[in-house]
Amino acid sequence: MSITQTASKQITEEVTSWPGVGAGPGRRGEFAFTVGGREIGHLHGDRVAHFGFPKQVWQELFEQGRVDYHPVFPGKPGFGARSIESDADVRDVIELLRLNYDRVVARYGRPA
């Protein structure tokens, strides 16, 4: 018998296995992932992930169809949203979080 994990559980298990990643409830009901106090993205249950990227990176991801505008910042590049509807979406959310993780670690180093 196989046990199917929710999208948020799969994402959380993977992302929190990376050195220095913390996770927990945010101020607005989201579940945030942080590295040294810097948020790399957050989840709203099993349905959507939100991220902040430099505008050029966001534009590339947007053109690839990997992110869309954040609902709080419609039409504003930089803040991205990704729906979670399939296993492929779960994998891509993990990759997008990894992209931000790698950016933070490259700039600030891995937290102690």
N, C-alpha and C. Protein backbone atom coordinates (compact mmCIF):
# COMPACT_ATOMS: atom_id res chain seq x y z
N MET A 1 0.84 -1.16 0.00
CA MET A 1 0.00 0.00 0.00
C MET A 1 0.90 1.24 0.00
N SER A 2 0.64 2.20 -0.89
CA SER A 2 1.43 3.43 -0.91
C SER A 2 0.65 4.55 -0.24
N ILE A 3 1.39 5.44 0.37
CA ILE A 3 0.78 6.57 1.02
C ILE A 3 1.13 7.80 0.19
N THR A 4 0.11 8.52 -0.25
CA THR A 4 0.32 9.71 -1.04
C THR A 4 0.39 10.92 -0.12
N GLN A 5 1.48 11.68 -0.24
CA GLN A 5 1.64 12.87 0.56
C GLN A 5 1.00 14.07 -0.15
N THR A 6 0.57 15.03 0.63
CA THR A 6 0.04 16.25 0.05
C THR A 6 1.18 17.01 -0.62
N ALA A 7 0.81 17.92 -1.50
CA ALA A 7 1.81 18.73 -2.19
C ALA A 7 2.65 19.51 -1.19
N SER A 8 2.00 20.15 -0.23
CA SER A 8 2.74 20.97 0.73
C SER A 8 3.70 20.13 1.56
N LYS A 9 3.31 18.92 1.90
CA LYS A 9 4.19 18.04 2.68
C LYS A 9 5.40 17.62 1.85
N GLN A 10 5.17 17.27 0.58
CA GLN A 10 6.29 16.89 -0.29
C GLN A 10 7.28 18.04 -0.44
N ILE A 11 6.75 19.23 -0.67
CA ILE A 11 7.60 20.41 -0.85
C ILE A 11 8.36 20.69 0.44
N THR A 12 7.65 20.68 1.57
CA THR A 12 8.27 20.99 2.86
C THR A 12 9.37 19.99 3.20
N GLU A 13 9.12 18.71 3.00
CA GLU A 13 10.15 17.70 3.31
C GLU A 13 11.41 17.92 2.50
N GLU A 14 11.26 18.24 1.22
CA GLU A 14 12.43 18.45 0.38
C GLU A 14 13.16 19.74 0.76
N VAL A 15 12.44 20.83 0.84
CA VAL A 15 13.07 22.13 1.04
C VAL A 15 13.71 22.24 2.42
N THR A 16 13.09 21.69 3.44
CA THR A 16 13.69 21.76 4.77
C THR A 16 14.87 20.81 4.94
N SER A 17 15.14 19.97 3.95
CA SER A 17 16.33 19.11 4.01
C SER A 17 17.58 19.87 3.55
N TRP A 18 17.41 21.06 2.97
CA TRP A 18 18.54 21.85 2.53
C TRP A 18 19.16 22.55 3.73
N PRO A 19 20.49 22.61 3.80
CA PRO A 19 21.15 23.24 4.95
C PRO A 19 20.71 24.68 5.17
N GLY A 20 20.33 24.99 6.40
CA GLY A 20 20.00 26.35 6.77
C GLY A 20 18.58 26.80 6.51
N VAL A 21 17.73 25.92 5.98
CA VAL A 21 16.35 26.32 5.69
C VAL A 21 15.48 26.14 6.92
N GLY A 22 14.74 27.19 7.23
CA GLY A 22 13.72 27.13 8.28
C GLY A 22 12.36 27.22 7.62
N ALA A 23 11.36 26.74 8.32
CA ALA A 23 10.00 26.79 7.77
C ALA A 23 9.01 26.95 8.90
N GLY A 24 7.94 27.68 8.60
CA GLY A 24 6.90 27.86 9.61
C GLY A 24 5.87 28.87 9.17
N PRO A 25 4.86 29.05 10.00
CA PRO A 25 3.78 29.98 9.67
C PRO A 25 4.28 31.41 9.53
N GLY A 26 3.74 32.09 8.54
CA GLY A 26 4.05 33.50 8.34
C GLY A 26 3.00 34.38 8.98
N ARG A 27 3.09 35.67 8.69
CA ARG A 27 2.19 36.65 9.31
C ARG A 27 0.81 36.70 8.67
N ARG A 28 0.66 36.17 7.48
CA ARG A 28 -0.61 36.28 6.76
C ARG A 28 -1.25 34.93 6.45
N GLY A 29 -0.94 33.94 7.25
CA GLY A 29 -1.54 32.63 7.04
C GLY A 29 -0.77 31.73 6.09
N GLU A 30 0.32 32.21 5.55
CA GLU A 30 1.13 31.41 4.64
C GLU A 30 2.10 30.53 5.43
N PHE A 31 2.73 29.59 4.74
CA PHE A 31 3.76 28.74 5.33
C PHE A 31 5.05 29.08 4.61
N ALA A 32 5.96 29.78 5.29
CA ALA A 32 7.13 30.37 4.65
C ALA A 32 8.39 29.53 4.84
N PHE A 33 9.26 29.60 3.84
CA PHE A 33 10.58 28.98 3.87
C PHE A 33 11.60 30.11 3.92
N THR A 34 12.54 30.02 4.87
CA THR A 34 13.53 31.08 5.03
C THR A 34 14.94 30.50 5.10
N VAL A 35 15.89 31.35 4.74
CA VAL A 35 17.31 31.04 4.87
C VAL A 35 17.93 32.26 5.54
N GLY A 36 18.39 32.08 6.76
CA GLY A 36 18.98 33.19 7.48
C GLY A 36 18.03 34.37 7.63
N GLY A 37 16.76 34.10 7.82
CA GLY A 37 15.77 35.16 7.99
C GLY A 37 15.25 35.75 6.69
N ARG A 38 15.76 35.30 5.55
CA ARG A 38 15.31 35.79 4.25
C ARG A 38 14.36 34.77 3.63
N GLU A 39 13.17 35.25 3.30
CA GLU A 39 12.19 34.33 2.72
C GLU A 39 12.57 33.97 1.29
N ILE A 40 12.51 32.66 0.99
CA ILE A 40 12.77 32.21 -0.38
C ILE A 40 11.48 31.85 -1.10
N GLY A 41 10.37 31.88 -0.39
CA GLY A 41 9.06 31.60 -0.96
C GLY A 41 8.14 31.09 0.12
N HIS A 42 6.85 31.02 -0.22
CA HIS A 42 5.90 30.48 0.75
C HIS A 42 4.75 29.78 0.04
N LEU A 43 4.07 28.96 0.81
CA LEU A 43 2.93 28.18 0.31
C LEU A 43 1.64 28.68 0.94
N HIS A 44 0.57 28.56 0.17
CA HIS A 44 -0.78 28.73 0.70
C HIS A 44 -1.44 27.35 0.53
N GLY A 45 -1.27 26.55 1.57
CA GLY A 45 -1.80 25.19 1.52
C GLY A 45 -1.16 24.38 0.41
N ASP A 46 -2.00 23.58 -0.23
CA ASP A 46 -1.55 22.71 -1.32
C ASP A 46 -1.87 23.29 -2.69
N ARG A 47 -2.27 24.56 -2.73
CA ARG A 47 -2.79 25.09 -3.99
C ARG A 47 -1.92 26.09 -4.72
N VAL A 48 -1.07 26.84 -4.00
CA VAL A 48 -0.28 27.87 -4.67
C VAL A 48 0.99 28.18 -3.88
N ALA A 49 2.04 28.56 -4.63
CA ALA A 49 3.29 29.02 -4.03
C ALA A 49 3.54 30.44 -4.53
N HIS A 50 4.15 31.25 -3.66
CA HIS A 50 4.50 32.63 -4.01
C HIS A 50 6.00 32.84 -3.79
N PHE A 51 6.57 33.68 -4.65
CA PHE A 51 8.00 33.92 -4.63
C PHE A 51 8.28 35.38 -4.95
N GLY A 52 9.46 35.84 -4.60
CA GLY A 52 9.99 37.11 -5.06
C GLY A 52 11.29 36.84 -5.79
N PHE A 53 11.41 37.40 -6.99
CA PHE A 53 12.62 37.22 -7.81
C PHE A 53 13.09 38.58 -8.32
N PRO A 54 14.37 38.70 -8.64
CA PRO A 54 14.79 39.90 -9.37
C PRO A 54 13.98 39.98 -10.66
N LYS A 55 13.70 41.19 -11.10
CA LYS A 55 12.80 41.37 -12.26
C LYS A 55 13.24 40.61 -13.50
N GLN A 56 14.54 40.58 -13.78
CA GLN A 56 15.01 39.87 -14.97
C GLN A 56 14.77 38.36 -14.84
N VAL A 57 15.04 37.82 -13.67
CA VAL A 57 14.79 36.39 -13.44
C VAL A 57 13.30 36.11 -13.53
N TRP A 58 12.49 36.96 -12.90
CA TRP A 58 11.03 36.80 -12.96
C TRP A 58 10.56 36.79 -14.41
N GLN A 59 11.07 37.73 -15.22
CA GLN A 59 10.65 37.83 -16.62
C GLN A 59 10.95 36.55 -17.38
N GLU A 60 12.13 35.98 -17.16
CA GLU A 60 12.49 34.72 -17.82
C GLU A 60 11.55 33.60 -17.39
N LEU A 61 11.28 33.52 -16.08
CA LEU A 61 10.38 32.48 -15.58
C LEU A 61 8.95 32.68 -16.10
N PHE A 62 8.52 33.93 -16.19
CA PHE A 62 7.19 34.26 -16.71
C PHE A 62 7.08 33.83 -18.18
N GLU A 63 8.10 34.16 -18.98
CA GLU A 63 8.10 33.78 -20.39
C GLU A 63 8.12 32.28 -20.59
N GLN A 64 8.71 31.55 -19.64
CA GLN A 64 8.73 30.09 -19.69
C GLN A 64 7.42 29.48 -19.19
N GLY A 65 6.53 30.30 -18.65
CA GLY A 65 5.26 29.81 -18.12
C GLY A 65 5.39 29.18 -16.74
N ARG A 66 6.48 29.46 -16.05
CA ARG A 66 6.71 28.83 -14.74
C ARG A 66 6.13 29.63 -13.59
N VAL A 67 5.96 30.94 -13.78
CA VAL A 67 5.32 31.79 -12.77
C VAL A 67 4.35 32.73 -13.47
N ASP A 68 3.43 33.25 -12.68
CA ASP A 68 2.50 34.27 -13.15
C ASP A 68 2.59 35.41 -12.14
N TYR A 69 1.82 36.46 -12.39
CA TYR A 69 1.81 37.58 -11.45
C TYR A 69 1.25 37.15 -10.10
N HIS A 70 1.78 37.73 -9.05
CA HIS A 70 1.28 37.53 -7.69
C HIS A 70 -0.06 38.26 -7.60
N PRO A 71 -1.08 37.65 -7.01
CA PRO A 71 -2.40 38.29 -6.99
C PRO A 71 -2.45 39.61 -6.22
N VAL A 72 -1.55 39.81 -5.27
CA VAL A 72 -1.53 41.06 -4.53
C VAL A 72 -0.83 42.16 -5.33
N PHE A 73 0.02 41.76 -6.29
CA PHE A 73 0.78 42.71 -7.11
C PHE A 73 0.52 42.46 -8.60
N PRO A 74 -0.73 42.54 -9.04
CA PRO A 74 -1.03 42.24 -10.45
C PRO A 74 -0.29 43.21 -11.38
N GLY A 75 0.32 42.64 -12.40
CA GLY A 75 1.03 43.44 -13.38
C GLY A 75 2.39 43.93 -12.94
N LYS A 76 2.84 43.51 -11.76
CA LYS A 76 4.13 43.96 -11.24
C LYS A 76 5.15 42.81 -11.30
N PRO A 77 6.11 42.90 -12.23
CA PRO A 77 7.14 41.86 -12.31
C PRO A 77 7.96 41.79 -11.02
N GLY A 78 8.39 40.60 -10.68
CA GLY A 78 9.21 40.40 -9.50
C GLY A 78 8.54 39.49 -8.49
N PHE A 79 7.26 39.70 -8.29
CA PHE A 79 6.52 38.85 -7.36
C PHE A 79 5.75 37.83 -8.17
N GLY A 80 6.02 36.53 -7.91
CA GLY A 80 5.45 35.48 -8.73
C GLY A 80 4.57 34.53 -7.97
N ALA A 81 3.67 33.91 -8.71
CA ALA A 81 2.77 32.89 -8.17
C ALA A 81 2.86 31.66 -9.06
N ARG A 82 2.73 30.50 -8.44
CA ARG A 82 2.72 29.24 -9.19
C ARG A 82 1.64 28.35 -8.61
N SER A 83 0.65 28.00 -9.43
CA SER A 83 -0.40 27.08 -9.00
C SER A 83 0.20 25.69 -8.81
N ILE A 84 -0.39 24.95 -7.89
CA ILE A 84 0.04 23.57 -7.64
C ILE A 84 -1.15 22.67 -7.92
N GLU A 85 -1.09 22.00 -9.07
CA GLU A 85 -2.20 21.14 -9.47
C GLU A 85 -1.77 19.73 -9.84
N SER A 86 -0.45 19.50 -9.94
CA SER A 86 0.04 18.20 -10.39
C SER A 86 1.39 17.91 -9.76
N ASP A 87 1.86 16.68 -9.94
CA ASP A 87 3.20 16.32 -9.47
C ASP A 87 4.28 17.16 -10.16
N ALA A 88 4.05 17.49 -11.43
CA ALA A 88 5.01 18.34 -12.16
C ALA A 88 5.07 19.72 -11.52
N ASP A 89 3.94 20.25 -11.07
CA ASP A 89 3.93 21.54 -10.39
C ASP A 89 4.69 21.46 -9.08
N VAL A 90 4.53 20.38 -8.33
CA VAL A 90 5.26 20.20 -7.08
C VAL A 90 6.76 20.24 -7.35
N ARG A 91 7.20 19.50 -8.36
CA ARG A 91 8.62 19.48 -8.71
C ARG A 91 9.11 20.87 -9.11
N ASP A 92 8.31 21.61 -9.87
CA ASP A 92 8.75 22.92 -10.30
C ASP A 92 8.76 23.92 -9.15
N VAL A 93 7.81 23.83 -8.23
CA VAL A 93 7.84 24.70 -7.05
C VAL A 93 9.12 24.45 -6.26
N ILE A 94 9.49 23.19 -6.12
CA ILE A 94 10.75 22.87 -5.43
C ILE A 94 11.93 23.49 -6.19
N GLU A 95 11.94 23.40 -7.51
CA GLU A 95 13.02 23.98 -8.30
C GLU A 95 13.05 25.50 -8.16
N LEU A 96 11.90 26.14 -8.11
CA LEU A 96 11.85 27.60 -7.96
C LEU A 96 12.34 28.02 -6.57
N LEU A 97 11.96 27.26 -5.55
CA LEU A 97 12.49 27.53 -4.21
C LEU A 97 13.99 27.33 -4.18
N ARG A 98 14.47 26.31 -4.89
CA ARG A 98 15.92 26.06 -4.94
C ARG A 98 16.64 27.20 -5.64
N LEU A 99 16.04 27.74 -6.66
CA LEU A 99 16.63 28.88 -7.35
C LEU A 99 16.83 30.04 -6.38
N ASN A 100 15.82 30.34 -5.58
CA ASN A 100 15.97 31.41 -4.59
C ASN A 100 16.94 31.02 -3.48
N TYR A 101 16.91 29.78 -3.05
CA TYR A 101 17.85 29.30 -2.03
C TYR A 101 19.29 29.51 -2.51
N ASP A 102 19.58 29.08 -3.72
CA ASP A 102 20.93 29.22 -4.26
C ASP A 102 21.33 30.69 -4.38
N ARG A 103 20.40 31.55 -4.75
CA ARG A 103 20.69 32.99 -4.84
C ARG A 103 21.04 33.56 -3.47
N VAL A 104 20.26 33.21 -2.45
CA VAL A 104 20.49 33.73 -1.09
C VAL A 104 21.83 33.22 -0.55
N VAL A 105 22.10 31.93 -0.71
CA VAL A 105 23.35 31.36 -0.20
C VAL A 105 24.54 31.95 -0.94
N ALA A 106 24.43 32.17 -2.24
CA ALA A 106 25.54 32.76 -3.00
C ALA A 106 25.82 34.19 -2.53
N ARG A 107 24.78 34.91 -2.18
CA ARG A 107 24.96 36.31 -1.78
C ARG A 107 25.35 36.49 -0.32
N TYR A 108 24.74 35.70 0.57
CA TYR A 108 24.92 35.91 2.00
C TYR A 108 25.63 34.77 2.72
N GLY A 109 25.82 33.66 2.03
CA GLY A 109 26.40 32.48 2.66
C GLY A 109 25.33 31.66 3.39
N ARG A 110 25.71 30.46 3.72
CA ARG A 110 24.80 29.57 4.43
C ARG A 110 24.78 29.97 5.91
N PRO A 111 23.60 30.12 6.51
CA PRO A 111 23.55 30.50 7.92
C PRO A 111 24.14 29.42 8.82
N ALA A 112 24.68 29.86 9.94
CA ALA A 112 25.29 28.93 10.91
C ALA A 112 24.24 28.08 11.59
